Amino acid sequence: NLPEKLDQRKFMAGFKPRSSARIKPLLTQDERDAFSEQTG
């Protein structure tokens, strides 16, 4: 349930960068390499 002043696009606009910033440092080199073809 979203609070009154937050729609799901805004929720995800905050969630995605915060989660990726937290997860990326935890990835192994092989996992990072799997992203390298798509990055950008």
PDB file of all heavy atoms in Angstrom:
ATOM      1  N   ASN A   1       0.866  -1.174   0.000  1.00  0.00           N
ATOM      2  CA  ASN A   1       0.000   0.000   0.000  1.00  0.00           C
ATOM      3  C   ASN A   1       0.901   1.221   0.000  1.00  0.00           C
ATOM      4  O   ASN A   1       1.757   1.360   0.876  1.00  0.00           O
ATOM      5  CB  ASN A   1      -0.883   0.073   1.249  1.00  0.00           C
ATOM      6  CG  ASN A   1      -2.144  -0.707   1.096  1.00  0.00           C
ATOM      7  OD1 ASN A   1      -2.188  -1.863   1.491  1.00  0.00           O
ATOM      8  ND2 ASN A   1      -3.166  -0.094   0.533  1.00  0.00           N
ATOM      9  N   LEU A   2       0.687   2.080  -0.955  1.00  0.00           N
ATOM     10  CA  LEU A   2       1.454   3.317  -1.040  1.00  0.00           C
ATOM     11  C   LEU A   2       0.815   4.386  -0.164  1.00  0.00           C
ATOM     12  O   LEU A   2      -0.402   4.417  -0.023  1.00  0.00           O
ATOM     13  CB  LEU A   2       1.480   3.807  -2.490  1.00  0.00           C
ATOM     14  CG  LEU A   2       2.109   2.853  -3.493  1.00  0.00           C
ATOM     15  CD1 LEU A   2       1.787   3.292  -4.916  1.00  0.00           C
ATOM     16  CD2 LEU A   2       3.596   2.774  -3.279  1.00  0.00           C
ATOM     17  N   PRO A   3       1.618   5.279   0.396  1.00  0.00           N
ATOM     18  CA  PRO A   3       1.034   6.399   1.130  1.00  0.00           C
ATOM     19  C   PRO A   3       0.348   7.356   0.146  1.00  0.00           C
ATOM     20  O   PRO A   3       0.618   7.316  -1.062  1.00  0.00           O
ATOM     21  CB  PRO A   3       2.239   7.053   1.802  1.00  0.00           C
ATOM     22  CG  PRO A   3       3.399   6.656   0.976  1.00  0.00           C
ATOM     23  CD  PRO A   3       3.074   5.309   0.394  1.00  0.00           C
ATOM     24  N   GLU A   4      -0.500   8.198   0.654  1.00  0.00           N
ATOM     25  CA  GLU A   4      -1.293   9.101  -0.189  1.00  0.00           C
ATOM     26  C   GLU A   4      -0.457   9.930  -1.164  1.00  0.00           C
ATOM     27  O   GLU A   4      -0.876  10.179  -2.286  1.00  0.00           O
ATOM     28  CB  GLU A   4      -2.134  10.044   0.678  1.00  0.00           C
ATOM     29  CG  GLU A   4      -3.284   9.355   1.386  1.00  0.00           C
ATOM     30  CD  GLU A   4      -4.354   8.814   0.442  1.00  0.00           C
ATOM     31  OE1 GLU A   4      -4.585   9.414  -0.632  1.00  0.00           O
ATOM     32  OE2 GLU A   4      -4.948   7.776   0.779  1.00  0.00           O
ATOM     33  N   LYS A   5       0.710  10.380  -0.764  1.00  0.00           N
ATOM     34  CA  LYS A   5       1.502  11.299  -1.594  1.00  0.00           C
ATOM     35  C   LYS A   5       2.542  10.613  -2.469  1.00  0.00           C
ATOM     36  O   LYS A   5       3.412  11.280  -3.022  1.00  0.00           O
ATOM     37  CB  LYS A   5       2.182  12.342  -0.708  1.00  0.00           C
ATOM     38  CG  LYS A   5       1.195  13.236  -0.005  1.00  0.00           C
ATOM     39  CD  LYS A   5       1.885  14.268   0.838  1.00  0.00           C
ATOM     40  CE  LYS A   5       0.836  15.138   1.515  1.00  0.00           C
ATOM     41  NZ  LYS A   5       1.432  16.164   2.354  1.00  0.00           N
ATOM     42  N   LEU A   6       2.445   9.297  -2.629  1.00  0.00           N
ATOM     43  CA  LEU A   6       3.469   8.572  -3.387  1.00  0.00           C
ATOM     44  C   LEU A   6       2.810   7.604  -4.354  1.00  0.00           C
ATOM     45  O   LEU A   6       2.097   6.690  -3.935  1.00  0.00           O
ATOM     46  CB  LEU A   6       4.385   7.810  -2.415  1.00  0.00           C
ATOM     47  CG  LEU A   6       5.552   7.056  -3.025  1.00  0.00           C
ATOM     48  CD1 LEU A   6       6.589   8.033  -3.583  1.00  0.00           C
ATOM     49  CD2 LEU A   6       6.200   6.163  -1.978  1.00  0.00           C
ATOM     50  N   ASP A   7       3.056   7.787  -5.655  1.00  0.00           N
ATOM     51  CA  ASP A   7       2.549   6.803  -6.607  1.00  0.00           C
ATOM     52  C   ASP A   7       3.634   5.758  -6.862  1.00  0.00           C
ATOM     53  O   ASP A   7       4.783   5.919  -6.453  1.00  0.00           O
ATOM     54  CB  ASP A   7       2.044   7.466  -7.896  1.00  0.00           C
ATOM     55  CG  ASP A   7       3.129   8.131  -8.723  1.00  0.00           C
ATOM     56  OD1 ASP A   7       4.298   7.680  -8.691  1.00  0.00           O
ATOM     57  OD2 ASP A   7       2.819   9.111  -9.416  1.00  0.00           O
ATOM     58  N   GLN A   8       3.268   4.695  -7.559  1.00  0.00           N
ATOM     59  CA  GLN A   8       4.221   3.589  -7.723  1.00  0.00           C
ATOM     60  C   GLN A   8       5.412   3.965  -8.604  1.00  0.00           C
ATOM     61  O   GLN A   8       6.505   3.444  -8.414  1.00  0.00           O
ATOM     62  CB  GLN A   8       3.523   2.335  -8.219  1.00  0.00           C
ATOM     63  CG  GLN A   8       2.885   2.426  -9.580  1.00  0.00           C
ATOM     64  CD  GLN A   8       2.185   1.140  -9.952  1.00  0.00           C
ATOM     65  OE1 GLN A   8       2.582   0.051  -9.530  1.00  0.00           O
ATOM     66  NE2 GLN A   8       1.141   1.237 -10.741  1.00  0.00           N
ATOM     67  N   ARG A   9       5.244   4.884  -9.540  1.00  0.00           N
ATOM     68  CA  ARG A   9       6.390   5.311 -10.345  1.00  0.00           C
ATOM     69  C   ARG A   9       7.423   6.014  -9.477  1.00  0.00           C
ATOM     70  O   ARG A   9       8.623   5.788  -9.614  1.00  0.00           O
ATOM     71  CB  ARG A   9       5.931   6.220 -11.477  1.00  0.00           C
ATOM     72  CG  ARG A   9       5.246   5.456 -12.578  1.00  0.00           C
ATOM     73  CD  ARG A   9       4.940   6.347 -13.745  1.00  0.00           C
ATOM     74  NE  ARG A   9       4.357   5.534 -14.799  1.00  0.00           N
ATOM     75  CZ  ARG A   9       3.419   5.952 -15.610  1.00  0.00           C
ATOM     76  NH1 ARG A   9       2.966   7.183 -15.530  1.00  0.00           N
ATOM     77  NH2 ARG A   9       2.943   5.147 -16.535  1.00  0.00           N
ATOM     78  N   LYS A  10       6.968   6.873  -8.576  1.00  0.00           N
ATOM     79  CA  LYS A  10       7.910   7.562  -7.682  1.00  0.00           C
ATOM     80  C   LYS A  10       8.548   6.573  -6.712  1.00  0.00           C
ATOM     81  O   LYS A  10       9.735   6.680  -6.402  1.00  0.00           O
ATOM     82  CB  LYS A  10       7.198   8.676  -6.919  1.00  0.00           C
ATOM     83  CG  LYS A  10       6.864   9.863  -7.783  1.00  0.00           C
ATOM     84  CD  LYS A  10       6.160  10.929  -6.981  1.00  0.00           C
ATOM     85  CE  LYS A  10       5.731  12.076  -7.885  1.00  0.00           C
ATOM     86  NZ  LYS A  10       4.886  13.039  -7.173  1.00  0.00           N
ATOM     87  N   PHE A  11       7.756   5.615  -6.221  1.00  0.00           N
ATOM     88  CA  PHE A  11       8.320   4.593  -5.335  1.00  0.00           C
ATOM     89  C   PHE A  11       9.459   3.869  -6.045  1.00  0.00           C
ATOM     90  O   PHE A  11      10.561   3.739  -5.515  1.00  0.00           O
ATOM     91  CB  PHE A  11       7.247   3.601  -4.886  1.00  0.00           C
ATOM     92  CG  PHE A  11       7.788   2.499  -4.014  1.00  0.00           C
ATOM     93  CD1 PHE A  11       7.856   2.660  -2.640  1.00  0.00           C
ATOM     94  CD2 PHE A  11       8.237   1.305  -4.563  1.00  0.00           C
ATOM     95  CE1 PHE A  11       8.377   1.658  -1.824  1.00  0.00           C
ATOM     96  CE2 PHE A  11       8.754   0.289  -3.760  1.00  0.00           C
ATOM     97  CZ  PHE A  11       8.818   0.475  -2.387  1.00  0.00           C
ATOM     98  N   MET A  12       9.198   3.413  -7.270  1.00  0.00           N
ATOM     99  CA  MET A  12      10.210   2.661  -8.009  1.00  0.00           C
ATOM    100  C   MET A  12      11.370   3.542  -8.447  1.00  0.00           C
ATOM    101  O   MET A  12      12.503   3.070  -8.531  1.00  0.00           O
ATOM    102  CB  MET A  12       9.578   1.959  -9.218  1.00  0.00           C
ATOM    103  CG  MET A  12       8.621   0.835  -8.817  1.00  0.00           C
ATOM    104  SD  MET A  12       9.381  -0.422  -7.760  1.00  0.00           S
ATOM    105  CE  MET A  12      10.412  -1.287  -8.953  1.00  0.00           C
ATOM    106  N   ALA A  13      11.121   4.823  -8.686  1.00  0.00           N
ATOM    107  CA  ALA A  13      12.199   5.746  -9.055  1.00  0.00           C
ATOM    108  C   ALA A  13      13.198   5.899  -7.908  1.00  0.00           C
ATOM    109  O   ALA A  13      14.374   6.174  -8.136  1.00  0.00           O
ATOM    110  CB  ALA A  13      11.629   7.104  -9.449  1.00  0.00           C
ATOM    111  N   GLY A  14      12.760   5.729  -6.686  1.00  0.00           N
ATOM    112  CA  GLY A  14      13.667   5.735  -5.544  1.00  0.00           C
ATOM    113  C   GLY A  14      14.230   4.356  -5.248  1.00  0.00           C
ATOM    114  O   GLY A  14      15.404   4.204  -4.924  1.00  0.00           O
ATOM    115  N   PHE A  15      13.382   3.355  -5.372  1.00  0.00           N
ATOM    116  CA  PHE A  15      13.773   1.987  -5.041  1.00  0.00           C
ATOM    117  C   PHE A  15      14.890   1.462  -5.948  1.00  0.00           C
ATOM    118  O   PHE A  15      15.864   0.880  -5.474  1.00  0.00           O
ATOM    119  CB  PHE A  15      12.553   1.057  -5.130  1.00  0.00           C
ATOM    120  CG  PHE A  15      12.883  -0.385  -4.935  1.00  0.00           C
ATOM    121  CD1 PHE A  15      13.020  -0.903  -3.655  1.00  0.00           C
ATOM    122  CD2 PHE A  15      13.091  -1.226  -6.019  1.00  0.00           C
ATOM    123  CE1 PHE A  15      13.348  -2.233  -3.465  1.00  0.00           C
ATOM    124  CE2 PHE A  15      13.416  -2.554  -5.835  1.00  0.00           C
ATOM    125  CZ  PHE A  15      13.541  -3.062  -4.553  1.00  0.00           C
ATOM    126  N   LYS A  16      14.746   1.649  -7.234  1.00  0.00           N
ATOM    127  CA  LYS A  16      15.713   1.071  -8.170  1.00  0.00           C
ATOM    128  C   LYS A  16      17.141   1.577  -7.952  1.00  0.00           C
ATOM    129  O   LYS A  16      18.067   0.764  -7.838  1.00  0.00           O
ATOM    130  CB  LYS A  16      15.262   1.282  -9.612  1.00  0.00           C
ATOM    131  CG  LYS A  16      14.155   0.331 -10.016  1.00  0.00           C
ATOM    132  CD  LYS A  16      13.815   0.553 -11.474  1.00  0.00           C
ATOM    133  CE  LYS A  16      12.863  -0.483 -11.998  1.00  0.00           C
ATOM    134  NZ  LYS A  16      12.607  -0.280 -13.442  1.00  0.00           N
ATOM    135  N   PRO A  17      17.377   2.893  -7.901  1.00  0.00           N
ATOM    136  CA  PRO A  17      18.775   3.307  -7.698  1.00  0.00           C
ATOM    137  C   PRO A  17      19.325   2.935  -6.324  1.00  0.00           C
ATOM    138  O   PRO A  17      20.498   2.576  -6.192  1.00  0.00           O
ATOM    139  CB  PRO A  17      18.745   4.823  -7.891  1.00  0.00           C
ATOM    140  CG  PRO A  17      17.324   5.227  -7.834  1.00  0.00           C
ATOM    141  CD  PRO A  17      16.500   4.027  -8.171  1.00  0.00           C
ATOM    142  N   ARG A  18      18.488   2.988  -5.294  1.00  0.00           N
ATOM    143  CA  ARG A  18      18.976   2.626  -3.956  1.00  0.00           C
ATOM    144  C   ARG A  18      19.300   1.134  -3.881  1.00  0.00           C
ATOM    145  O   ARG A  18      20.308   0.737  -3.297  1.00  0.00           O
ATOM    146  CB  ARG A  18      17.959   3.019  -2.889  1.00  0.00           C
ATOM    147  CG  ARG A  18      18.038   4.486  -2.530  1.00  0.00           C
ATOM    148  CD  ARG A  18      17.176   4.824  -1.329  1.00  0.00           C
ATOM    149  NE  ARG A  18      15.900   5.419  -1.647  1.00  0.00           N
ATOM    150  CZ  ARG A  18      15.728   6.651  -2.103  1.00  0.00           C
ATOM    151  NH1 ARG A  18      16.766   7.422  -2.324  1.00  0.00           N
ATOM    152  NH2 ARG A  18      14.532   7.118  -2.342  1.00  0.00           N
ATOM    153  N   SER A  19      18.448   0.306  -4.470  1.00  0.00           N
ATOM    154  CA  SER A  19      18.710  -1.138  -4.422  1.00  0.00           C
ATOM    155  C   SER A  19      19.921  -1.503  -5.270  1.00  0.00           C
ATOM    156  O   SER A  19      20.760  -2.295  -4.842  1.00  0.00           O
ATOM    157  CB  SER A  19      17.472  -1.926  -4.845  1.00  0.00           C
ATOM    158  OG  SER A  19      17.089  -1.610  -6.166  1.00  0.00           O
ATOM    159  N   SER A  20      20.039  -0.922  -6.450  1.00  0.00           N
ATOM    160  CA  SER A  20      21.197  -1.275  -7.284  1.00  0.00           C
ATOM    161  C   SER A  20      22.500  -0.791  -6.640  1.00  0.00           C
ATOM    162  O   SER A  20      23.513  -1.495  -6.705  1.00  0.00           O
ATOM    163  CB  SER A  20      21.045  -0.734  -8.709  1.00  0.00           C
ATOM    164  OG  SER A  20      20.983   0.666  -8.732  1.00  0.00           O
ATOM    165  N   ALA A  21      22.471   0.373  -5.994  1.00  0.00           N
ATOM    166  CA  ALA A  21      23.676   0.852  -5.300  1.00  0.00           C
ATOM    167  C   ALA A  21      24.076  -0.093  -4.176  1.00  0.00           C
ATOM    168  O   ALA A  21      25.270  -0.287  -3.905  1.00  0.00           O
ATOM    169  CB  ALA A  21      23.450   2.257  -4.757  1.00  0.00           C
ATOM    170  N   ARG A  22      23.113  -0.695  -3.531  1.00  0.00           N
ATOM    171  CA  ARG A  22      23.389  -1.633  -2.428  1.00  0.00           C
ATOM    172  C   ARG A  22      23.847  -2.995  -2.951  1.00  0.00           C
ATOM    173  O   ARG A  22      24.697  -3.648  -2.346  1.00  0.00           O
ATOM    174  CB  ARG A  22      22.121  -1.787  -1.582  1.00  0.00           C
ATOM    175  CG  ARG A  22      22.200  -2.809  -0.490  1.00  0.00           C
ATOM    176  CD  ARG A  22      22.708  -2.215   0.823  1.00  0.00           C
ATOM    177  NE  ARG A  22      22.840  -3.224   1.834  1.00  0.00           N
ATOM    178  CZ  ARG A  22      21.886  -3.582   2.681  1.00  0.00           C
ATOM    179  NH1 ARG A  22      20.705  -2.996   2.655  1.00  0.00           N
ATOM    180  NH2 ARG A  22      22.112  -4.518   3.575  1.00  0.00           N
ATOM    181  N   ILE A  23      23.287  -3.429  -4.086  1.00  0.00           N
ATOM    182  CA  ILE A  23      23.560  -4.773  -4.602  1.00  0.00           C
ATOM    183  C   ILE A  23      24.847  -4.834  -5.425  1.00  0.00           C
ATOM    184  O   ILE A  23      25.616  -5.790  -5.304  1.00  0.00           O
ATOM    185  CB  ILE A  23      22.379  -5.274  -5.473  1.00  0.00           C
ATOM    186  CG1 ILE A  23      21.061  -5.252  -4.702  1.00  0.00           C
ATOM    187  CG2 ILE A  23      22.667  -6.660  -6.042  1.00  0.00           C
ATOM    188  CD1 ILE A  23      21.014  -6.036  -3.432  1.00  0.00           C
ATOM    189  N   LYS A  24      25.100  -3.848  -6.256  1.00  0.00           N
ATOM    190  CA  LYS A  24      26.252  -3.913  -7.168  1.00  0.00           C
ATOM    191  C   LYS A  24      27.571  -4.248  -6.480  1.00  0.00           C
ATOM    192  O   LYS A  24      28.332  -5.070  -6.990  1.00  0.00           O
ATOM    193  CB  LYS A  24      26.382  -2.610  -7.953  1.00  0.00           C
ATOM    194  CG  LYS A  24      25.399  -2.490  -9.077  1.00  0.00           C
ATOM    195  CD  LYS A  24      25.636  -1.157  -9.782  1.00  0.00           C
ATOM    196  CE  LYS A  24      24.719  -0.937 -10.914  1.00  0.00           C
ATOM    197  NZ  LYS A  24      24.973   0.350 -11.578  1.00  0.00           N
ATOM    198  N   PRO A  25      27.887  -3.651  -5.329  1.00  0.00           N
ATOM    199  CA  PRO A  25      29.162  -3.997  -4.683  1.00  0.00           C
ATOM    200  C   PRO A  25      29.229  -5.454  -4.206  1.00  0.00           C
ATOM    201  O   PRO A  25      30.320  -5.962  -3.944  1.00  0.00           O
ATOM    202  CB  PRO A  25      29.231  -3.046  -3.482  1.00  0.00           C
ATOM    203  CG  PRO A  25      28.315  -1.927  -3.813  1.00  0.00           C
ATOM    204  CD  PRO A  25      27.229  -2.529  -4.649  1.00  0.00           C
ATOM    205  N   LEU A  26      28.094  -6.116  -4.098  1.00  0.00           N
ATOM    206  CA  LEU A  26      28.057  -7.503  -3.628  1.00  0.00           C
ATOM    207  C   LEU A  26      28.228  -8.523  -4.752  1.00  0.00           C
ATOM    208  O   LEU A  26      28.384  -9.713  -4.486  1.00  0.00           O
ATOM    209  CB  LEU A  26      26.730  -7.773  -2.908  1.00  0.00           C
ATOM    210  CG  LEU A  26      26.389  -6.858  -1.738  1.00  0.00           C
ATOM    211  CD1 LEU A  26      25.009  -7.188  -1.200  1.00  0.00           C
ATOM    212  CD2 LEU A  26      27.445  -6.957  -0.659  1.00  0.00           C
ATOM    213  N   LEU A  27      28.176  -8.054  -5.993  1.00  0.00           N
ATOM    214  CA  LEU A  27      28.242  -8.971  -7.125  1.00  0.00           C
ATOM    215  C   LEU A  27      29.650  -9.507  -7.326  1.00  0.00           C
ATOM    216  O   LEU A  27      30.632  -8.795  -7.133  1.00  0.00           O
ATOM    217  CB  LEU A  27      27.774  -8.269  -8.403  1.00  0.00           C
ATOM    218  CG  LEU A  27      26.335  -7.779  -8.418  1.00  0.00           C
ATOM    219  CD1 LEU A  27      26.050  -7.039  -9.723  1.00  0.00           C
ATOM    220  CD2 LEU A  27      25.349  -8.917  -8.206  1.00  0.00           C
ATOM    221  N   THR A  28      29.720 -10.757  -7.745  1.00  0.00           N
ATOM    222  CA  THR A  28      31.008 -11.356  -8.101  1.00  0.00           C
ATOM    223  C   THR A  28      31.449 -10.789  -9.448  1.00  0.00           C
ATOM    224  O   THR A  28      30.656 -10.181 -10.171  1.00  0.00           O
ATOM    225  CB  THR A  28      30.890 -12.885  -8.208  1.00  0.00           C
ATOM    226  OG1 THR A  28      30.032 -13.192  -9.308  1.00  0.00           O
ATOM    227  CG2 THR A  28      30.370 -13.504  -6.926  1.00  0.00           C
ATOM    228  N   GLN A  29      32.696 -11.022  -9.805  1.00  0.00           N
ATOM    229  CA  GLN A  29      33.182 -10.555 -11.102  1.00  0.00           C
ATOM    230  C   GLN A  29      32.375 -11.187 -12.233  1.00  0.00           C
ATOM    231  O   GLN A  29      32.026 -10.509 -13.204  1.00  0.00           O
ATOM    232  CB  GLN A  29      34.674 -10.862 -11.276  1.00  0.00           C
ATOM    233  CG  GLN A  29      35.252 -10.254 -12.540  1.00  0.00           C
ATOM    234  CD  GLN A  29      35.131  -8.741 -12.565  1.00  0.00           C
ATOM    235  OE1 GLN A  29      35.508  -8.068 -11.614  1.00  0.00           O
ATOM    236  NE2 GLN A  29      34.607  -8.191 -13.647  1.00  0.00           N
ATOM    237  N   ASP A  30      32.059 -12.473 -12.132  1.00  0.00           N
ATOM    238  CA  ASP A  30      31.255 -13.127 -13.173  1.00  0.00           C
ATOM    239  C   ASP A  30      29.875 -12.476 -13.291  1.00  0.00           C
ATOM    240  O   ASP A  30      29.365 -12.299 -14.398  1.00  0.00           O
ATOM    241  CB  ASP A  30      31.094 -14.620 -12.881  1.00  0.00           C
ATOM    242  CG  ASP A  30      32.372 -15.404 -13.132  1.00  0.00           C
ATOM    243  OD1 ASP A  30      33.275 -14.883 -13.838  1.00  0.00           O
ATOM    244  OD2 ASP A  30      32.472 -16.535 -12.620  1.00  0.00           O
ATOM    245  N   GLU A  31      29.285 -12.135 -12.154  1.00  0.00           N
ATOM    246  CA  GLU A  31      27.974 -11.482 -12.192  1.00  0.00           C
ATOM    247  C   GLU A  31      28.082 -10.084 -12.808  1.00  0.00           C
ATOM    248  O   GLU A  31      27.242  -9.693 -13.623  1.00  0.00           O
ATOM    249  CB  GLU A  31      27.372 -11.412 -10.785  1.00  0.00           C
ATOM    250  CG  GLU A  31      26.973 -12.779 -10.252  1.00  0.00           C
ATOM    251  CD  GLU A  31      26.750 -12.820  -8.756  1.00  0.00           C
ATOM    252  OE1 GLU A  31      27.239 -11.913  -8.035  1.00  0.00           O
ATOM    253  OE2 GLU A  31      26.092 -13.773  -8.301  1.00  0.00           O
ATOM    254  N   ARG A  32      29.123  -9.347 -12.473  1.00  0.00           N
ATOM    255  CA  ARG A  32      29.331  -8.023 -13.079  1.00  0.00           C
ATOM    256  C   ARG A  32      29.558  -8.151 -14.583  1.00  0.00           C
ATOM    257  O   ARG A  32      29.067  -7.344 -15.369  1.00  0.00           O
ATOM    258  CB  ARG A  32      30.494  -7.292 -12.409  1.00  0.00           C
ATOM    259  CG  ARG A  32      30.140  -6.747 -11.042  1.00  0.00           C
ATOM    260  CD  ARG A  32      31.192  -5.790 -10.503  1.00  0.00           C
ATOM    261  NE  ARG A  32      32.490  -6.398 -10.262  1.00  0.00           N
ATOM    262  CZ  ARG A  32      32.809  -7.044  -9.142  1.00  0.00           C
ATOM    263  NH1 ARG A  32      31.948  -7.157  -8.154  1.00  0.00           N
ATOM    264  NH2 ARG A  32      34.003  -7.580  -9.000  1.00  0.00           N
ATOM    265  N   ASP A  33      30.305  -9.170 -14.982  1.00  0.00           N
ATOM    266  CA  ASP A  33      30.560  -9.393 -16.408  1.00  0.00           C
ATOM    267  C   ASP A  33      29.266  -9.675 -17.164  1.00  0.00           C
ATOM    268  O   ASP A  33      29.126  -9.285 -18.324  1.00  0.00           O
ATOM    269  CB  ASP A  33      31.537 -10.553 -16.613  1.00  0.00           C
ATOM    270  CG  ASP A  33      32.953 -10.215 -16.185  1.00  0.00           C
ATOM    271  OD1 ASP A  33      33.250  -9.017 -15.961  1.00  0.00           O
ATOM    272  OD2 ASP A  33      33.760 -11.169 -16.047  1.00  0.00           O
ATOM    273  N   ALA A  34      28.318 -10.342 -16.523  1.00  0.00           N
ATOM    274  CA  ALA A  34      27.031 -10.630 -17.178  1.00  0.00           C
ATOM    275  C   ALA A  34      26.283  -9.341 -17.501  1.00  0.00           C
ATOM    276  O   ALA A  34      25.509  -9.291 -18.459  1.00  0.00           O
ATOM    277  CB  ALA A  34      26.182 -11.535 -16.297  1.00  0.00           C
ATOM    278  N   PHE A  35      26.516  -8.300 -16.727  1.00  0.00           N
ATOM    279  CA  PHE A  35      25.888  -7.002 -16.986  1.00  0.00           C
ATOM    280  C   PHE A  35      26.639  -6.191 -18.036  1.00  0.00           C
ATOM    281  O   PHE A  35      26.066  -5.310 -18.664  1.00  0.00           O
ATOM    282  CB  PHE A  35      25.837  -6.162 -15.697  1.00  0.00           C
ATOM    283  CG  PHE A  35      24.738  -6.532 -14.770  1.00  0.00           C
ATOM    284  CD1 PHE A  35      24.996  -7.353 -13.683  1.00  0.00           C
ATOM    285  CD2 PHE A  35      23.454  -6.059 -14.963  1.00  0.00           C
ATOM    286  CE1 PHE A  35      23.987  -7.693 -12.808  1.00  0.00           C
ATOM    287  CE2 PHE A  35      22.433  -6.392 -14.087  1.00  0.00           C
ATOM    288  CZ  PHE A  35      22.698  -7.221 -13.010  1.00  0.00           C
ATOM    289  N   SER A  36      27.926  -6.462 -18.217  1.00  0.00           N
ATOM    290  CA  SER A  36      28.761  -5.570 -19.020  1.00  0.00           C
ATOM    291  C   SER A  36      28.266  -5.417 -20.454  1.00  0.00           C
ATOM    292  O   SER A  36      28.421  -4.365 -21.048  1.00  0.00           O
ATOM    293  CB  SER A  36      30.213  -6.025 -19.005  1.00  0.00           C
ATOM    294  OG  SER A  36      30.342  -7.276 -19.641  1.00  0.00           O
ATOM    295  N   GLU A  37      27.662  -6.456 -21.024  1.00  0.00           N
ATOM    296  CA  GLU A  37      27.151  -6.355 -22.387  1.00  0.00           C
ATOM    297  C   GLU A  37      25.946  -5.427 -22.464  1.00  0.00           C
ATOM    298  O   GLU A  37      25.657  -4.871 -23.506  1.00  0.00           O
ATOM    299  CB  GLU A  37      26.770  -7.741 -22.907  1.00  0.00           C
ATOM    300  CG  GLU A  37      27.952  -8.662 -23.063  1.00  0.00           C
ATOM    301  CD  GLU A  37      27.543 -10.041 -23.519  1.00  0.00           C
ATOM    302  OE1 GLU A  37      26.414 -10.194 -24.032  1.00  0.00           O
ATOM    303  OE2 GLU A  37      28.344 -10.959 -23.369  1.00  0.00           O
ATOM    304  N   GLN A  38      25.227  -5.267 -21.360  1.00  0.00           N
ATOM    305  CA  GLN A  38      24.011  -4.468 -21.356  1.00  0.00           C
ATOM    306  C   GLN A  38      24.190  -3.072 -20.780  1.00  0.00           C
ATOM    307  O   GLN A  38      23.381  -2.194 -21.019  1.00  0.00           O
ATOM    308  CB  GLN A  38      22.927  -5.186 -20.538  1.00  0.00           C
ATOM    309  CG  GLN A  38      22.538  -6.522 -21.114  1.00  0.00           C
ATOM    310  CD  GLN A  38      21.939  -6.381 -22.505  1.00  0.00           C
ATOM    311  OE1 GLN A  38      21.147  -5.494 -22.750  1.00  0.00           O
ATOM    312  NE2 GLN A  38      22.351  -7.244 -23.412  1.00  0.00           N
ATOM    313  N   THR A  39      25.236  -2.871 -20.007  1.00  0.00           N
ATOM    314  CA  THR A  39      25.435  -1.587 -19.340  1.00  0.00           C
ATOM    315  C   THR A  39      25.440  -0.458 -20.358  1.00  0.00           C
ATOM    316  O   THR A  39      26.124  -0.528 -21.369  1.00  0.00           O
ATOM    317  CB  THR A  39      26.744  -1.595 -18.540  1.00  0.00           C
ATOM    318  OG1 THR A  39      26.643  -2.594 -17.542  1.00  0.00           O
ATOM    319  CG2 THR A  39      26.992  -0.245 -17.883  1.00  0.00           C
ATOM    320  N   GLY A  40      24.663   0.555 -20.080  1.00  0.00           N
ATOM    321  CA  GLY A  40      24.616   1.713 -20.952  1.00  0.00           C
ATOM    322  C   GLY A  40      23.420   1.740 -21.872  1.00  0.00           C
ATOM    323  O   GLY A  40      23.001   2.803 -22.302  1.00  0.00           O
TER     324      GLY A  40
END
